[in-house]
Amino acid sequence: MIHFTCDLCGQDVEPDRDQHYVVKIEGYAAENDSFFGNEEFEEDHLEQISELLRDVDQVDDVDFDDSPKAFRFDLCPGCFKRFAQNPLNKDAKQRFNFSEN
């Protein structure tokens, strides 16, 4: 028998007895399909390119991994309902519990 656990709350879900949901998320770098007219080619962009190259040299320690990513999650009905209402969790507030020191 296949065993599923909700990836959010950890609740056991038995597929032959309980309803469960699969959420698939795919992320990838968007392609820039803008069209360049003649006016863009008439300008000299050498200074802009030079500035960009200087900026890139200053950010060597940042990892820019733009390879496609795919995720799959098994959710129980309650967690799926919460996910469907707010997929990006935009209303969540980051809470910190600082001691009284």
N, C-alpha and C. Protein backbone atom coordinates (compact mmCIF):
# COMPACT_ATOMS: atom_id res chain seq x y z
N MET A 1 0.84 -1.18 0.00
CA MET A 1 0.00 0.00 0.00
C MET A 1 0.89 1.25 0.00
N ILE A 2 0.53 2.22 -0.79
CA ILE A 2 1.28 3.48 -0.87
C ILE A 2 0.92 4.34 0.33
N HIS A 3 1.93 4.95 0.90
CA HIS A 3 1.75 5.80 2.09
C HIS A 3 2.13 7.23 1.75
N PHE A 4 1.25 8.18 2.06
CA PHE A 4 1.53 9.60 1.83
C PHE A 4 1.49 10.33 3.16
N THR A 5 2.29 11.35 3.28
CA THR A 5 2.29 12.25 4.42
C THR A 5 2.18 13.66 3.88
N CYS A 6 1.33 14.48 4.48
CA CYS A 6 1.19 15.87 4.05
C CYS A 6 2.53 16.57 4.24
N ASP A 7 3.00 17.21 3.20
CA ASP A 7 4.30 17.88 3.25
C ASP A 7 4.28 19.16 4.08
N LEU A 8 3.10 19.64 4.48
CA LEU A 8 3.03 20.83 5.33
C LEU A 8 2.83 20.49 6.80
N CYS A 9 1.81 19.71 7.10
CA CYS A 9 1.49 19.45 8.51
C CYS A 9 1.98 18.10 9.01
N GLY A 10 2.38 17.20 8.11
CA GLY A 10 2.89 15.90 8.53
C GLY A 10 1.82 14.85 8.78
N GLN A 11 0.56 15.17 8.54
CA GLN A 11 -0.54 14.22 8.76
C GLN A 11 -0.42 13.05 7.78
N ASP A 12 -0.64 11.83 8.28
CA ASP A 12 -0.66 10.65 7.42
C ASP A 12 -1.91 10.67 6.56
N VAL A 13 -1.74 10.35 5.27
CA VAL A 13 -2.86 10.32 4.32
C VAL A 13 -2.82 8.97 3.63
N GLU A 14 -3.91 8.22 3.73
CA GLU A 14 -4.03 6.94 3.04
C GLU A 14 -4.85 7.15 1.77
N PRO A 15 -4.24 6.96 0.60
CA PRO A 15 -4.91 7.30 -0.66
C PRO A 15 -6.21 6.52 -0.90
N ASP A 16 -6.33 5.30 -0.40
CA ASP A 16 -7.55 4.54 -0.64
C ASP A 16 -8.68 4.95 0.32
N ARG A 17 -8.34 5.71 1.37
CA ARG A 17 -9.35 6.11 2.36
C ARG A 17 -9.51 7.62 2.44
N ASP A 18 -8.43 8.36 2.33
CA ASP A 18 -8.44 9.81 2.50
C ASP A 18 -8.19 10.53 1.18
N GLN A 19 -8.81 11.69 1.03
CA GLN A 19 -8.55 12.56 -0.12
C GLN A 19 -7.21 13.26 0.11
N HIS A 20 -6.40 13.36 -0.90
CA HIS A 20 -5.20 14.18 -0.80
C HIS A 20 -4.97 14.87 -2.14
N TYR A 21 -4.11 15.89 -2.12
CA TYR A 21 -3.89 16.73 -3.29
C TYR A 21 -2.41 16.77 -3.63
N VAL A 22 -2.13 16.91 -4.90
CA VAL A 22 -0.76 17.06 -5.38
C VAL A 22 -0.61 18.47 -5.93
N VAL A 23 0.42 19.17 -5.47
CA VAL A 23 0.71 20.52 -5.96
C VAL A 23 2.07 20.46 -6.66
N LYS A 24 2.11 20.88 -7.91
CA LYS A 24 3.35 20.93 -8.67
C LYS A 24 3.67 22.39 -8.97
N ILE A 25 4.90 22.77 -8.73
CA ILE A 25 5.35 24.14 -8.97
C ILE A 25 6.58 24.06 -9.87
N GLU A 26 6.59 24.90 -10.90
CA GLU A 26 7.73 24.95 -11.82
C GLU A 26 8.21 26.39 -11.91
N GLY A 27 9.49 26.58 -11.79
CA GLY A 27 10.06 27.92 -11.91
C GLY A 27 11.24 27.92 -12.87
N TYR A 28 11.31 28.93 -13.71
CA TYR A 28 12.40 29.04 -14.68
C TYR A 28 12.59 30.50 -15.07
N ALA A 29 13.75 30.80 -15.58
CA ALA A 29 14.05 32.17 -16.00
C ALA A 29 13.20 32.54 -17.21
N ALA A 30 12.60 33.71 -17.16
CA ALA A 30 11.78 34.18 -18.28
C ALA A 30 12.68 34.69 -19.40
N GLU A 31 12.23 34.46 -20.62
CA GLU A 31 12.98 34.96 -21.77
C GLU A 31 12.52 36.37 -22.08
N ASN A 32 13.45 37.22 -22.48
CA ASN A 32 13.13 38.59 -22.85
C ASN A 32 12.87 38.62 -24.35
N ASP A 33 11.61 38.76 -24.72
CA ASP A 33 11.22 38.74 -26.13
C ASP A 33 11.00 40.13 -26.70
N SER A 34 11.57 41.15 -26.07
CA SER A 34 11.33 42.51 -26.56
C SER A 34 12.01 42.72 -27.90
N PHE A 35 11.39 43.55 -28.72
CA PHE A 35 11.90 43.87 -30.05
C PHE A 35 12.68 45.17 -29.98
N PHE A 36 13.87 45.16 -30.56
CA PHE A 36 14.69 46.37 -30.59
C PHE A 36 14.47 47.09 -31.92
N GLY A 37 14.10 48.35 -31.83
CA GLY A 37 13.94 49.15 -33.03
C GLY A 37 15.26 49.81 -33.43
N ASN A 38 15.25 50.57 -34.49
CA ASN A 38 16.47 51.22 -34.97
C ASN A 38 17.04 52.21 -33.98
N GLU A 39 16.18 52.90 -33.20
CA GLU A 39 16.68 53.90 -32.26
C GLU A 39 17.57 53.26 -31.19
N GLU A 40 17.30 52.01 -30.80
CA GLU A 40 18.16 51.34 -29.82
C GLU A 40 19.55 51.06 -30.40
N PHE A 41 19.62 50.81 -31.71
CA PHE A 41 20.92 50.52 -32.31
C PHE A 41 21.71 51.78 -32.62
N GLU A 42 21.06 52.93 -32.69
CA GLU A 42 21.77 54.16 -32.98
C GLU A 42 22.50 54.71 -31.76
N GLU A 43 22.04 54.35 -30.55
CA GLU A 43 22.69 54.84 -29.33
C GLU A 43 23.95 54.04 -29.04
N ASP A 44 24.91 54.70 -28.40
CA ASP A 44 26.14 54.02 -27.99
C ASP A 44 25.97 53.57 -26.53
N HIS A 45 25.92 52.29 -26.32
CA HIS A 45 25.67 51.74 -24.99
C HIS A 45 26.95 51.27 -24.31
N LEU A 46 28.10 51.71 -24.79
CA LEU A 46 29.37 51.26 -24.24
C LEU A 46 29.52 51.61 -22.77
N GLU A 47 29.11 52.81 -22.37
CA GLU A 47 29.22 53.21 -20.97
C GLU A 47 28.31 52.36 -20.08
N GLN A 48 27.08 52.07 -20.55
CA GLN A 48 26.17 51.23 -19.78
C GLN A 48 26.73 49.82 -19.61
N ILE A 49 27.31 49.29 -20.66
CA ILE A 49 27.91 47.95 -20.58
C ILE A 49 29.08 47.96 -19.61
N SER A 50 29.88 48.98 -19.65
CA SER A 50 31.01 49.10 -18.74
C SER A 50 30.53 49.13 -17.28
N GLU A 51 29.47 49.87 -16.99
CA GLU A 51 28.92 49.92 -15.64
C GLU A 51 28.39 48.57 -15.21
N LEU A 52 27.70 47.87 -16.11
CA LEU A 52 27.20 46.54 -15.78
C LEU A 52 28.32 45.57 -15.46
N LEU A 53 29.39 45.64 -16.24
CA LEU A 53 30.53 44.75 -15.99
C LEU A 53 31.19 45.07 -14.65
N ARG A 54 31.27 46.35 -14.29
CA ARG A 54 31.82 46.72 -12.98
C ARG A 54 30.94 46.16 -11.86
N ASP A 55 29.63 46.26 -12.04
CA ASP A 55 28.71 45.74 -11.03
C ASP A 55 28.84 44.22 -10.88
N VAL A 56 28.99 43.51 -12.00
CA VAL A 56 29.13 42.06 -11.95
C VAL A 56 30.41 41.68 -11.23
N ASP A 57 31.48 42.41 -11.45
CA ASP A 57 32.75 42.12 -10.78
C ASP A 57 32.64 42.28 -9.27
N GLN A 58 31.78 43.17 -8.81
CA GLN A 58 31.62 43.42 -7.38
C GLN A 58 30.74 42.37 -6.71
N VAL A 59 30.02 41.57 -7.46
CA VAL A 59 29.09 40.59 -6.90
C VAL A 59 29.54 39.17 -7.22
N ASP A 60 30.80 38.87 -6.99
CA ASP A 60 31.32 37.54 -7.30
C ASP A 60 30.82 36.46 -6.35
N ASP A 61 30.52 36.80 -5.10
CA ASP A 61 30.17 35.79 -4.12
C ASP A 61 28.71 35.36 -4.16
N VAL A 62 27.87 35.96 -4.98
CA VAL A 62 26.47 35.60 -5.06
C VAL A 62 26.30 34.46 -6.07
N ASP A 63 25.54 33.44 -5.67
CA ASP A 63 25.30 32.28 -6.54
C ASP A 63 24.06 32.53 -7.39
N PHE A 64 24.24 32.70 -8.69
CA PHE A 64 23.14 32.94 -9.61
C PHE A 64 22.83 31.63 -10.33
N ASP A 65 21.99 30.82 -9.73
CA ASP A 65 21.58 29.56 -10.35
C ASP A 65 20.20 29.76 -10.96
N ASP A 66 20.16 29.98 -12.27
CA ASP A 66 18.88 30.22 -12.92
C ASP A 66 18.37 29.00 -13.67
N SER A 67 18.86 27.81 -13.30
CA SER A 67 18.39 26.60 -13.95
C SER A 67 16.94 26.33 -13.51
N PRO A 68 16.16 25.70 -14.37
CA PRO A 68 14.76 25.43 -14.04
C PRO A 68 14.64 24.56 -12.78
N LYS A 69 13.61 24.82 -12.00
CA LYS A 69 13.35 24.06 -10.78
C LYS A 69 11.92 23.55 -10.83
N ALA A 70 11.70 22.33 -10.36
CA ALA A 70 10.37 21.76 -10.27
C ALA A 70 10.19 21.16 -8.88
N PHE A 71 9.02 21.38 -8.31
CA PHE A 71 8.71 20.90 -6.97
C PHE A 71 7.38 20.15 -7.01
N ARG A 72 7.25 19.12 -6.16
CA ARG A 72 6.01 18.36 -6.04
C ARG A 72 5.72 18.19 -4.56
N PHE A 73 4.48 18.49 -4.16
CA PHE A 73 4.09 18.38 -2.76
C PHE A 73 2.77 17.61 -2.66
N ASP A 74 2.68 16.74 -1.67
CA ASP A 74 1.43 16.06 -1.34
C ASP A 74 0.83 16.80 -0.15
N LEU A 75 -0.45 17.20 -0.28
CA LEU A 75 -1.10 17.96 0.78
C LEU A 75 -2.40 17.30 1.20
N CYS A 76 -2.69 17.39 2.51
CA CYS A 76 -3.98 16.94 3.02
C CYS A 76 -5.04 17.97 2.61
N PRO A 77 -6.32 17.68 2.74
CA PRO A 77 -7.37 18.63 2.33
C PRO A 77 -7.27 19.99 3.01
N GLY A 78 -6.98 20.02 4.31
CA GLY A 78 -6.90 21.30 5.03
C GLY A 78 -5.76 22.17 4.54
N CYS A 79 -4.59 21.57 4.37
CA CYS A 79 -3.44 22.34 3.89
C CYS A 79 -3.63 22.78 2.44
N PHE A 80 -4.28 21.93 1.62
CA PHE A 80 -4.52 22.33 0.24
C PHE A 80 -5.48 23.51 0.18
N LYS A 81 -6.50 23.50 1.04
CA LYS A 81 -7.45 24.61 1.06
C LYS A 81 -6.75 25.91 1.41
N ARG A 82 -5.87 25.88 2.42
CA ARG A 82 -5.10 27.08 2.79
C ARG A 82 -4.16 27.50 1.67
N PHE A 83 -3.52 26.52 1.02
CA PHE A 83 -2.62 26.83 -0.09
C PHE A 83 -3.37 27.47 -1.25
N ALA A 84 -4.53 26.91 -1.60
CA ALA A 84 -5.31 27.42 -2.74
C ALA A 84 -5.81 28.84 -2.50
N GLN A 85 -6.08 29.19 -1.25
CA GLN A 85 -6.56 30.54 -0.95
C GLN A 85 -5.44 31.58 -1.00
N ASN A 86 -4.21 31.16 -0.77
CA ASN A 86 -3.09 32.10 -0.72
C ASN A 86 -1.79 31.37 -1.11
N PRO A 87 -1.62 31.03 -2.39
CA PRO A 87 -0.49 30.20 -2.82
C PRO A 87 0.89 30.77 -2.49
N LEU A 88 1.04 32.07 -2.49
CA LEU A 88 2.34 32.67 -2.21
C LEU A 88 2.51 33.05 -0.74
N ASN A 89 1.50 32.76 0.07
CA ASN A 89 1.54 33.05 1.50
C ASN A 89 1.89 34.51 1.77
N LYS A 90 1.27 35.39 0.99
CA LYS A 90 1.60 36.82 1.06
C LYS A 90 1.15 37.48 2.36
N ASP A 91 0.18 36.89 3.06
CA ASP A 91 -0.32 37.50 4.29
C ASP A 91 0.47 37.09 5.52
N ALA A 92 1.37 36.13 5.37
CA ALA A 92 2.12 35.66 6.53
C ALA A 92 3.03 36.76 7.04
N LYS A 93 3.03 36.93 8.33
CA LYS A 93 3.91 37.92 8.94
C LYS A 93 5.02 37.16 9.66
N GLN A 94 6.22 37.61 9.42
CA GLN A 94 7.35 36.98 10.10
C GLN A 94 7.35 37.43 11.55
N ARG A 95 7.31 36.47 12.45
CA ARG A 95 7.24 36.79 13.86
C ARG A 95 8.52 36.37 14.55
N PHE A 96 9.02 37.24 15.38
CA PHE A 96 10.21 36.95 16.15
C PHE A 96 9.85 36.91 17.62
N ASN A 97 10.38 35.96 18.33
CA ASN A 97 10.16 35.86 19.77
C ASN A 97 11.47 36.21 20.45
N PHE A 98 11.61 37.47 20.84
CA PHE A 98 12.81 37.90 21.51
C PHE A 98 12.65 37.73 23.03
N SER A 99 13.71 37.37 23.68
CA SER A 99 13.65 37.24 25.13
C SER A 99 13.62 38.62 25.77
N GLU A 100 13.26 38.65 27.03
CA GLU A 100 13.12 39.90 27.77
C GLU A 100 14.46 40.40 28.32
N ASN A 101 15.58 39.87 27.92
CA ASN A 101 16.90 40.23 28.47
C ASN A 101 17.15 41.69 28.37
